Amino acid sequence: MPVPATPEYATAVAAVAELLTRLRLDFIFLGNVARAVWLGGEASSGSIDVLALMSPEQKNSVAMMASNRGFRVDREEIEQSEELDLVPLKFDDIRVHVLVASNALYGRMVAAGVVHDSIKVPAREDFALLLAMSGDEINLHSLTLQPEFDRARYNETLVSIGLAELAIAQ
């Protein structure tokens, strides 16, 4: 079953996946793409956010290769985002943010990602952590109620990063 998205977003997701795969990067789709996979609905608005394992040199390669593959790359935006571990791109009218997995938690999230229709998204429990960090209580609640959700794993992660107060009842 394909990622639930409008045709424009499905095309952009495929283009991002193809770009990062060609660069041999390990990555996961976050945001509205992961939300559509785990909670239903479709990716149809906002940016496409991706978390990728890469070095600083590879970060430059992403921008260079993207500009040769139909993405718009604004050099000024790239320079302004240098300190943010982010590569801002545009595919047609859709903003794309390629975030560098710059710490062990993000690296583990990428490694533990789940493949859905040839794209990788965070595991349910990791996506729940991202929802909790963004204050999205409604979607967090919906996700944690799914029978496949591993509450123990989610709580272990929260404890390991010093956020035990966000743990949920088992």
N, C-alpha and C. Protein backbone atom coordinates (compact mmCIF):
# COMPACT_ATOMS: atom_id res chain seq x y z
N MET A 1 0.85 -1.18 0.00
CA MET A 1 0.00 0.00 0.00
C MET A 1 0.89 1.24 0.00
N PRO A 2 0.67 2.15 -0.93
CA PRO A 2 1.53 3.34 -1.01
C PRO A 2 1.33 4.28 0.18
N VAL A 3 2.34 5.14 0.38
CA VAL A 3 2.23 6.14 1.43
C VAL A 3 1.02 7.01 1.13
N PRO A 4 0.13 7.19 2.10
CA PRO A 4 -1.05 8.02 1.85
C PRO A 4 -0.65 9.49 1.66
N ALA A 5 -0.76 9.96 0.43
CA ALA A 5 -0.37 11.33 0.12
C ALA A 5 -1.06 11.77 -1.15
N THR A 6 -1.21 13.07 -1.30
CA THR A 6 -1.72 13.61 -2.56
C THR A 6 -0.69 13.29 -3.64
N PRO A 7 -1.09 13.33 -4.90
CA PRO A 7 -0.11 13.03 -5.97
C PRO A 7 1.14 13.91 -5.91
N GLU A 8 0.97 15.19 -5.60
CA GLU A 8 2.12 16.10 -5.53
C GLU A 8 3.08 15.67 -4.42
N TYR A 9 2.51 15.33 -3.26
CA TYR A 9 3.35 14.92 -2.14
C TYR A 9 3.97 13.56 -2.37
N ALA A 10 3.23 12.65 -2.98
CA ALA A 10 3.78 11.33 -3.29
C ALA A 10 4.97 11.46 -4.23
N THR A 11 4.88 12.35 -5.22
CA THR A 11 5.98 12.58 -6.15
C THR A 11 7.18 13.17 -5.42
N ALA A 12 6.93 14.13 -4.53
CA ALA A 12 8.03 14.74 -3.78
C ALA A 12 8.68 13.74 -2.83
N VAL A 13 7.89 12.91 -2.15
CA VAL A 13 8.43 11.89 -1.25
C VAL A 13 9.31 10.93 -2.05
N ALA A 14 8.83 10.50 -3.20
CA ALA A 14 9.61 9.59 -4.04
C ALA A 14 10.91 10.25 -4.50
N ALA A 15 10.87 11.52 -4.84
CA ALA A 15 12.07 12.24 -5.28
C ALA A 15 13.09 12.36 -4.15
N VAL A 16 12.62 12.66 -2.95
CA VAL A 16 13.51 12.76 -1.79
C VAL A 16 14.14 11.40 -1.50
N ALA A 17 13.32 10.36 -1.50
CA ALA A 17 13.82 9.01 -1.23
C ALA A 17 14.87 8.61 -2.27
N GLU A 18 14.61 8.91 -3.52
CA GLU A 18 15.54 8.56 -4.59
C GLU A 18 16.86 9.33 -4.42
N LEU A 19 16.77 10.61 -4.11
CA LEU A 19 17.96 11.44 -3.90
C LEU A 19 18.83 10.88 -2.78
N LEU A 20 18.24 10.65 -1.62
CA LEU A 20 19.02 10.21 -0.46
C LEU A 20 19.51 8.78 -0.62
N THR A 21 18.75 7.95 -1.31
CA THR A 21 19.19 6.58 -1.57
C THR A 21 20.39 6.57 -2.51
N ARG A 22 20.36 7.42 -3.53
CA ARG A 22 21.50 7.51 -4.46
C ARG A 22 22.78 7.94 -3.74
N LEU A 23 22.61 8.74 -2.70
CA LEU A 23 23.75 9.19 -1.90
C LEU A 23 24.15 8.15 -0.84
N ARG A 24 23.42 7.04 -0.83
CA ARG A 24 23.67 5.93 0.11
C ARG A 24 23.56 6.36 1.56
N LEU A 25 22.57 7.21 1.83
CA LEU A 25 22.32 7.65 3.20
C LEU A 25 21.21 6.81 3.81
N ASP A 26 21.28 6.60 5.10
CA ASP A 26 20.20 5.97 5.83
C ASP A 26 19.34 7.11 6.36
N PHE A 27 18.01 7.01 6.20
CA PHE A 27 17.14 8.13 6.55
C PHE A 27 15.74 7.63 6.86
N ILE A 28 14.98 8.50 7.55
CA ILE A 28 13.56 8.24 7.82
C ILE A 28 12.77 9.51 7.54
N PHE A 29 11.54 9.30 7.07
CA PHE A 29 10.62 10.42 6.88
C PHE A 29 9.91 10.69 8.20
N LEU A 30 9.82 11.95 8.55
CA LEU A 30 9.17 12.38 9.79
C LEU A 30 7.88 13.12 9.45
N GLY A 31 7.37 13.89 10.40
CA GLY A 31 6.28 14.83 10.17
C GLY A 31 5.04 14.23 9.56
N ASN A 32 4.51 14.95 8.56
CA ASN A 32 3.22 14.55 8.00
C ASN A 32 3.27 13.22 7.26
N VAL A 33 4.44 12.81 6.77
CA VAL A 33 4.54 11.51 6.11
C VAL A 33 4.41 10.39 7.14
N ALA A 34 5.17 10.49 8.23
CA ALA A 34 5.08 9.48 9.29
C ALA A 34 3.68 9.49 9.92
N ARG A 35 3.11 10.67 10.08
CA ARG A 35 1.76 10.78 10.65
C ARG A 35 0.74 10.05 9.77
N ALA A 36 0.86 10.22 8.46
CA ALA A 36 -0.06 9.55 7.53
C ALA A 36 0.12 8.03 7.60
N VAL A 37 1.35 7.56 7.73
CA VAL A 37 1.59 6.12 7.81
C VAL A 37 1.01 5.54 9.09
N TRP A 38 1.28 6.16 10.23
CA TRP A 38 0.89 5.57 11.52
C TRP A 38 -0.51 5.93 11.97
N LEU A 39 -1.04 7.07 11.53
CA LEU A 39 -2.33 7.52 12.05
C LEU A 39 -3.41 7.68 10.99
N GLY A 40 -3.06 7.44 9.74
CA GLY A 40 -4.04 7.57 8.67
C GLY A 40 -4.07 8.98 8.11
N GLY A 41 -5.00 9.22 7.22
CA GLY A 41 -5.04 10.49 6.52
C GLY A 41 -4.01 10.47 5.42
N GLU A 42 -3.71 11.65 4.90
CA GLU A 42 -2.70 11.71 3.84
C GLU A 42 -1.80 12.91 4.03
N ALA A 43 -0.59 12.77 3.55
CA ALA A 43 0.35 13.89 3.54
C ALA A 43 -0.07 14.80 2.39
N SER A 44 -0.48 16.00 2.75
CA SER A 44 -1.01 16.88 1.71
C SER A 44 -0.63 18.35 1.89
N SER A 45 0.00 18.69 2.99
CA SER A 45 0.37 20.09 3.20
C SER A 45 1.59 20.16 4.11
N GLY A 46 2.17 21.33 4.15
CA GLY A 46 3.36 21.51 4.98
C GLY A 46 4.60 20.96 4.32
N SER A 47 5.67 20.95 5.08
CA SER A 47 6.96 20.51 4.54
C SER A 47 7.09 18.99 4.64
N ILE A 48 8.05 18.48 3.91
CA ILE A 48 8.45 17.08 4.03
C ILE A 48 9.74 17.11 4.84
N ASP A 49 9.71 16.43 5.99
CA ASP A 49 10.86 16.42 6.88
C ASP A 49 11.49 15.04 6.91
N VAL A 50 12.81 15.02 6.79
CA VAL A 50 13.56 13.77 6.73
C VAL A 50 14.74 13.88 7.69
N LEU A 51 15.00 12.81 8.43
CA LEU A 51 16.14 12.73 9.32
C LEU A 51 17.13 11.75 8.69
N ALA A 52 18.37 12.21 8.45
CA ALA A 52 19.35 11.38 7.74
C ALA A 52 20.67 11.30 8.50
N LEU A 53 21.27 10.12 8.44
CA LEU A 53 22.61 9.94 8.98
C LEU A 53 23.60 10.39 7.92
N MET A 54 24.37 11.43 8.22
CA MET A 54 25.35 11.92 7.24
C MET A 54 26.43 12.75 7.91
N SER A 55 27.54 12.83 7.22
CA SER A 55 28.67 13.65 7.67
C SER A 55 28.51 15.06 7.09
N PRO A 56 29.31 16.02 7.56
CA PRO A 56 29.25 17.37 6.99
C PRO A 56 29.53 17.37 5.48
N GLU A 57 30.43 16.51 5.03
CA GLU A 57 30.73 16.45 3.60
C GLU A 57 29.51 15.96 2.82
N GLN A 58 28.82 14.98 3.38
CA GLN A 58 27.63 14.45 2.71
C GLN A 58 26.51 15.49 2.68
N LYS A 59 26.47 16.35 3.69
CA LYS A 59 25.47 17.41 3.72
C LYS A 59 25.62 18.30 2.49
N ASN A 60 26.85 18.62 2.13
CA ASN A 60 27.10 19.43 0.92
C ASN A 60 26.72 18.65 -0.34
N SER A 61 26.95 17.35 -0.32
CA SER A 61 26.59 16.52 -1.47
C SER A 61 25.09 16.47 -1.69
N VAL A 62 24.32 16.48 -0.60
CA VAL A 62 22.86 16.47 -0.71
C VAL A 62 22.41 17.69 -1.50
N ALA A 63 22.90 18.86 -1.12
CA ALA A 63 22.49 20.10 -1.81
C ALA A 63 22.93 20.09 -3.27
N MET A 64 24.16 19.65 -3.52
CA MET A 64 24.67 19.66 -4.89
C MET A 64 23.89 18.67 -5.78
N MET A 65 23.69 17.48 -5.29
CA MET A 65 22.98 16.48 -6.09
C MET A 65 21.51 16.87 -6.25
N ALA A 66 20.92 17.45 -5.21
CA ALA A 66 19.51 17.87 -5.29
C ALA A 66 19.31 18.90 -6.40
N SER A 67 20.25 19.82 -6.52
CA SER A 67 20.10 20.86 -7.55
C SER A 67 20.17 20.27 -8.95
N ASN A 68 20.77 19.09 -9.08
CA ASN A 68 20.85 18.42 -10.38
C ASN A 68 19.71 17.42 -10.60
N ARG A 69 18.78 17.32 -9.64
CA ARG A 69 17.72 16.34 -9.73
C ARG A 69 16.33 16.96 -9.59
N GLY A 70 16.18 18.21 -9.98
CA GLY A 70 14.86 18.83 -10.00
C GLY A 70 14.46 19.56 -8.74
N PHE A 71 15.33 19.60 -7.75
CA PHE A 71 15.05 20.36 -6.53
C PHE A 71 15.58 21.78 -6.71
N ARG A 72 14.91 22.73 -6.06
CA ARG A 72 15.45 24.09 -6.01
C ARG A 72 16.28 24.21 -4.74
N VAL A 73 17.49 24.70 -4.93
CA VAL A 73 18.41 24.87 -3.81
C VAL A 73 18.80 26.33 -3.76
N ASP A 74 18.47 26.98 -2.68
CA ASP A 74 18.80 28.39 -2.49
C ASP A 74 20.10 28.44 -1.68
N ARG A 75 21.18 28.84 -2.33
CA ARG A 75 22.51 28.86 -1.67
C ARG A 75 22.51 29.72 -0.41
N GLU A 76 21.76 30.82 -0.44
CA GLU A 76 21.69 31.70 0.74
C GLU A 76 21.03 30.96 1.92
N GLU A 77 19.95 30.22 1.63
CA GLU A 77 19.30 29.43 2.68
C GLU A 77 20.23 28.35 3.21
N ILE A 78 20.98 27.73 2.32
CA ILE A 78 21.93 26.69 2.73
C ILE A 78 22.96 27.29 3.70
N GLU A 79 23.50 28.44 3.35
CA GLU A 79 24.49 29.10 4.20
C GLU A 79 23.88 29.49 5.54
N GLN A 80 22.65 30.02 5.54
CA GLN A 80 22.00 30.43 6.78
C GLN A 80 21.69 29.25 7.69
N SER A 81 21.50 28.07 7.10
CA SER A 81 21.14 26.90 7.90
C SER A 81 22.35 26.06 8.30
N GLU A 82 23.54 26.51 7.95
CA GLU A 82 24.76 25.75 8.20
C GLU A 82 24.87 25.28 9.65
N GLU A 83 24.58 26.15 10.59
CA GLU A 83 24.70 25.82 12.02
C GLU A 83 23.55 24.94 12.52
N LEU A 84 22.50 24.81 11.74
CA LEU A 84 21.30 24.11 12.19
C LEU A 84 21.28 22.62 11.86
N ASP A 85 22.31 22.12 11.22
CA ASP A 85 22.31 20.72 10.78
C ASP A 85 21.07 20.41 9.95
N LEU A 86 20.84 21.25 8.97
CA LEU A 86 19.65 21.18 8.14
C LEU A 86 20.02 21.53 6.70
N VAL A 87 19.43 20.78 5.75
CA VAL A 87 19.59 21.12 4.34
C VAL A 87 18.20 21.49 3.82
N PRO A 88 17.93 22.79 3.62
CA PRO A 88 16.62 23.20 3.11
C PRO A 88 16.56 23.09 1.58
N LEU A 89 15.53 22.44 1.08
CA LEU A 89 15.34 22.26 -0.35
C LEU A 89 13.90 22.58 -0.71
N LYS A 90 13.62 22.60 -1.99
CA LYS A 90 12.25 22.75 -2.46
C LYS A 90 12.07 21.83 -3.66
N PHE A 91 10.96 21.09 -3.65
CA PHE A 91 10.62 20.26 -4.79
C PHE A 91 9.27 20.75 -5.29
N ASP A 92 9.24 21.31 -6.49
CA ASP A 92 8.07 22.05 -6.96
C ASP A 92 7.75 23.11 -5.91
N ASP A 93 6.56 23.12 -5.34
CA ASP A 93 6.22 24.11 -4.32
C ASP A 93 6.28 23.55 -2.90
N ILE A 94 6.85 22.37 -2.74
CA ILE A 94 6.88 21.71 -1.43
C ILE A 94 8.26 21.87 -0.80
N ARG A 95 8.27 22.42 0.40
CA ARG A 95 9.52 22.57 1.14
C ARG A 95 9.96 21.21 1.65
N VAL A 96 11.25 20.98 1.60
CA VAL A 96 11.85 19.74 2.09
C VAL A 96 12.96 20.12 3.06
N HIS A 97 12.93 19.53 4.24
CA HIS A 97 13.98 19.76 5.24
C HIS A 97 14.69 18.44 5.49
N VAL A 98 15.95 18.37 5.13
CA VAL A 98 16.75 17.19 5.42
C VAL A 98 17.55 17.53 6.67
N LEU A 99 17.21 16.88 7.78
CA LEU A 99 17.84 17.14 9.07
C LEU A 99 18.96 16.13 9.29
N VAL A 100 20.08 16.59 9.80
CA VAL A 100 21.21 15.71 10.08
C VAL A 100 20.98 15.04 11.43
N ALA A 101 21.06 13.72 11.45
CA ALA A 101 20.92 12.97 12.71
C ALA A 101 22.21 13.17 13.50
N SER A 102 22.21 14.21 14.34
CA SER A 102 23.45 14.68 14.96
C SER A 102 23.69 14.16 16.37
N ASN A 103 22.85 13.26 16.87
CA ASN A 103 23.11 12.70 18.19
C ASN A 103 22.72 11.23 18.22
N ALA A 104 23.07 10.57 19.29
CA ALA A 104 22.84 9.11 19.39
C ALA A 104 21.36 8.76 19.32
N LEU A 105 20.51 9.57 19.94
CA LEU A 105 19.07 9.28 19.92
C LEU A 105 18.54 9.30 18.48
N TYR A 106 18.89 10.33 17.73
CA TYR A 106 18.44 10.41 16.34
C TYR A 106 19.03 9.28 15.50
N GLY A 107 20.29 8.98 15.74
CA GLY A 107 20.92 7.87 15.02
C GLY A 107 20.21 6.56 15.28
N ARG A 108 19.82 6.32 16.52
CA ARG A 108 19.09 5.11 16.88
C ARG A 108 17.72 5.11 16.22
N MET A 109 17.07 6.28 16.16
CA MET A 109 15.75 6.37 15.50
C MET A 109 15.85 5.97 14.03
N VAL A 110 16.88 6.46 13.36
CA VAL A 110 17.04 6.13 11.95
C VAL A 110 17.29 4.64 11.80
N ALA A 111 18.17 4.09 12.63
CA ALA A 111 18.50 2.67 12.55
C ALA A 111 17.29 1.79 12.83
N ALA A 112 16.41 2.22 13.71
CA ALA A 112 15.24 1.43 14.10
C ALA A 112 14.03 1.71 13.21
N GLY A 113 14.20 2.53 12.19
CA GLY A 113 13.08 2.87 11.32
C GLY A 113 12.42 1.65 10.70
N VAL A 114 11.18 1.84 10.28
CA VAL A 114 10.35 0.78 9.72
C VAL A 114 10.05 1.12 8.27
N VAL A 115 10.24 0.16 7.38
CA VAL A 115 9.97 0.39 5.96
C VAL A 115 8.48 0.19 5.68
N HIS A 116 7.89 1.20 5.06
CA HIS A 116 6.49 1.16 4.64
C HIS A 116 6.45 1.57 3.18
N ASP A 117 6.03 0.67 2.33
CA ASP A 117 5.96 0.95 0.89
C ASP A 117 7.25 1.58 0.37
N SER A 118 8.36 0.97 0.68
CA SER A 118 9.69 1.34 0.21
C SER A 118 10.25 2.63 0.82
N ILE A 119 9.54 3.26 1.72
CA ILE A 119 10.12 4.40 2.44
C ILE A 119 10.19 4.04 3.92
N LYS A 120 11.12 4.66 4.59
CA LYS A 120 11.36 4.35 5.99
C LYS A 120 10.82 5.48 6.85
N VAL A 121 10.09 5.12 7.88
CA VAL A 121 9.55 6.08 8.85
C VAL A 121 10.01 5.63 10.24
N PRO A 122 9.93 6.51 11.23
CA PRO A 122 10.33 6.07 12.57
C PRO A 122 9.40 4.97 13.08
N ALA A 123 9.94 4.12 13.93
CA ALA A 123 9.09 3.14 14.61
C ALA A 123 8.00 3.90 15.36
N ARG A 124 6.89 3.24 15.61
CA ARG A 124 5.77 3.89 16.31
C ARG A 124 6.23 4.59 17.58
N GLU A 125 7.03 3.90 18.37
CA GLU A 125 7.45 4.44 19.66
C GLU A 125 8.35 5.67 19.50
N ASP A 126 9.18 5.68 18.47
CA ASP A 126 10.02 6.85 18.21
C ASP A 126 9.18 8.01 17.68
N PHE A 127 8.19 7.69 16.85
CA PHE A 127 7.31 8.74 16.37
C PHE A 127 6.52 9.33 17.55
N ALA A 128 6.13 8.48 18.48
CA ALA A 128 5.42 8.96 19.68
C ALA A 128 6.30 9.93 20.47
N LEU A 129 7.58 9.63 20.56
CA LEU A 129 8.50 10.52 21.26
C LEU A 129 8.55 11.89 20.57
N LEU A 130 8.60 11.88 19.24
CA LEU A 130 8.61 13.15 18.49
C LEU A 130 7.30 13.91 18.69
N LEU A 131 6.18 13.19 18.72
CA LEU A 131 4.89 13.84 18.98
C LEU A 131 4.86 14.44 20.38
N ALA A 132 5.39 13.71 21.36
CA ALA A 132 5.43 14.22 22.74
C ALA A 132 6.29 15.48 22.81
N MET A 133 7.43 15.47 22.13
CA MET A 133 8.33 16.64 22.16
C MET A 133 7.70 17.85 21.49
N SER A 134 6.83 17.62 20.50
CA SER A 134 6.20 18.74 19.82
C SER A 134 4.88 19.15 20.48
N GLY A 135 4.50 18.46 21.55
CA GLY A 135 3.27 18.81 22.27
C GLY A 135 2.00 18.39 21.57
N ASP A 136 2.07 17.43 20.68
CA ASP A 136 0.90 16.97 19.93
C ASP A 136 0.21 15.85 20.71
N GLU A 137 -0.49 16.23 21.77
CA GLU A 137 -1.11 15.26 22.69
C GLU A 137 -2.19 14.42 22.02
N ILE A 138 -2.95 14.98 21.11
CA ILE A 138 -4.05 14.25 20.48
C ILE A 138 -3.51 13.10 19.64
N ASN A 139 -2.54 13.39 18.76
CA ASN A 139 -1.97 12.32 17.94
C ASN A 139 -1.14 11.35 18.77
N LEU A 140 -0.48 11.85 19.81
CA LEU A 140 0.27 10.97 20.71
C LEU A 140 -0.68 9.96 21.35
N HIS A 141 -1.79 10.43 21.84
CA HIS A 141 -2.78 9.55 22.48
C HIS A 141 -3.29 8.51 21.48
N SER A 142 -3.62 8.94 20.28
CA SER A 142 -4.10 8.00 19.25
C SER A 142 -3.07 6.93 18.94
N LEU A 143 -1.82 7.33 18.86
CA LEU A 143 -0.75 6.38 18.54
C LEU A 143 -0.52 5.38 19.67
N THR A 144 -0.52 5.88 20.92
CA THR A 144 -0.24 4.99 22.05
C THR A 144 -1.38 4.02 22.33
N LEU A 145 -2.55 4.28 21.77
CA LEU A 145 -3.68 3.36 21.94
C LEU A 145 -3.66 2.21 20.93
N GLN A 146 -2.82 2.29 19.92
CA GLN A 146 -2.76 1.22 18.93
C GLN A 146 -2.24 -0.05 19.59
N PRO A 147 -2.86 -1.20 19.27
CA PRO A 147 -2.45 -2.45 19.93
C PRO A 147 -0.98 -2.83 19.71
N GLU A 148 -0.40 -2.40 18.59
CA GLU A 148 0.98 -2.73 18.28
C GLU A 148 1.99 -1.84 19.01
N PHE A 149 1.50 -0.79 19.66
CA PHE A 149 2.39 0.16 20.32
C PHE A 149 3.07 -0.49 21.53
N ASP A 150 4.40 -0.39 21.60
CA ASP A 150 5.19 -0.99 22.68
C ASP A 150 5.44 0.06 23.76
N ARG A 151 4.56 0.06 24.75
CA ARG A 151 4.65 1.05 25.83
C ARG A 151 5.95 0.92 26.62
N ALA A 152 6.39 -0.31 26.84
CA ALA A 152 7.63 -0.52 27.60
C ALA A 152 8.81 0.11 26.87
N ARG A 153 8.91 -0.12 25.58
CA ARG A 153 10.02 0.46 24.80
C ARG A 153 9.97 1.99 24.81
N TYR A 154 8.77 2.53 24.64
CA TYR A 154 8.59 3.98 24.66
C TYR A 154 9.04 4.54 26.01
N ASN A 155 8.58 3.94 27.09
CA ASN A 155 8.94 4.42 28.43
C ASN A 155 10.43 4.29 28.70
N GLU A 156 11.05 3.19 28.24
CA GLU A 156 12.49 3.01 28.42
C GLU A 156 13.26 4.13 27.73
N THR A 157 12.83 4.50 26.55
CA THR A 157 13.50 5.60 25.83
C THR A 157 13.34 6.90 26.60
N LEU A 158 12.13 7.17 27.08
CA LEU A 158 11.92 8.41 27.84
C LEU A 158 12.82 8.46 29.08
N VAL A 159 12.91 7.36 29.80
CA VAL A 159 13.76 7.31 30.99
C VAL A 159 15.22 7.52 30.61
N SER A 160 15.66 6.88 29.52
CA SER A 160 17.06 6.96 29.12
C SER A 160 17.49 8.37 28.71
N ILE A 161 16.55 9.21 28.29
CA ILE A 161 16.91 10.58 27.90
C ILE A 161 16.48 11.61 28.95
N GLY A 162 16.12 11.11 30.15
CA GLY A 162 15.81 12.00 31.25
C GLY A 162 14.42 12.59 31.24
N LEU A 163 13.49 11.91 30.57
CA LEU A 163 12.11 12.42 30.51
C LEU A 163 11.11 11.42 31.10
N ALA A 164 11.50 10.82 32.20
CA ALA A 164 10.65 9.80 32.83
C ALA A 164 9.26 10.34 33.17
N GLU A 165 9.16 11.64 33.39
CA GLU A 165 7.85 12.22 33.74
C GLU A 165 6.84 12.13 32.59
N LEU A 166 7.31 11.86 31.40
CA LEU A 166 6.40 11.71 30.25
C LEU A 166 5.97 10.27 30.00
N ALA A 167 6.46 9.35 30.83
CA ALA A 167 6.13 7.93 30.65
C ALA A 167 4.62 7.73 30.78
N ILE A 168 4.13 6.70 30.08
CA ILE A 168 2.69 6.41 30.09
C ILE A 168 2.44 5.10 30.83
N ALA A 169 1.24 4.98 31.37
CA ALA A 169 0.88 3.77 32.12
C ALA A 169 0.93 2.56 31.20
N GLN A 170 1.35 1.43 31.78
CA GLN A 170 1.45 0.21 30.95
C GLN A 170 0.26 -0.68 31.11
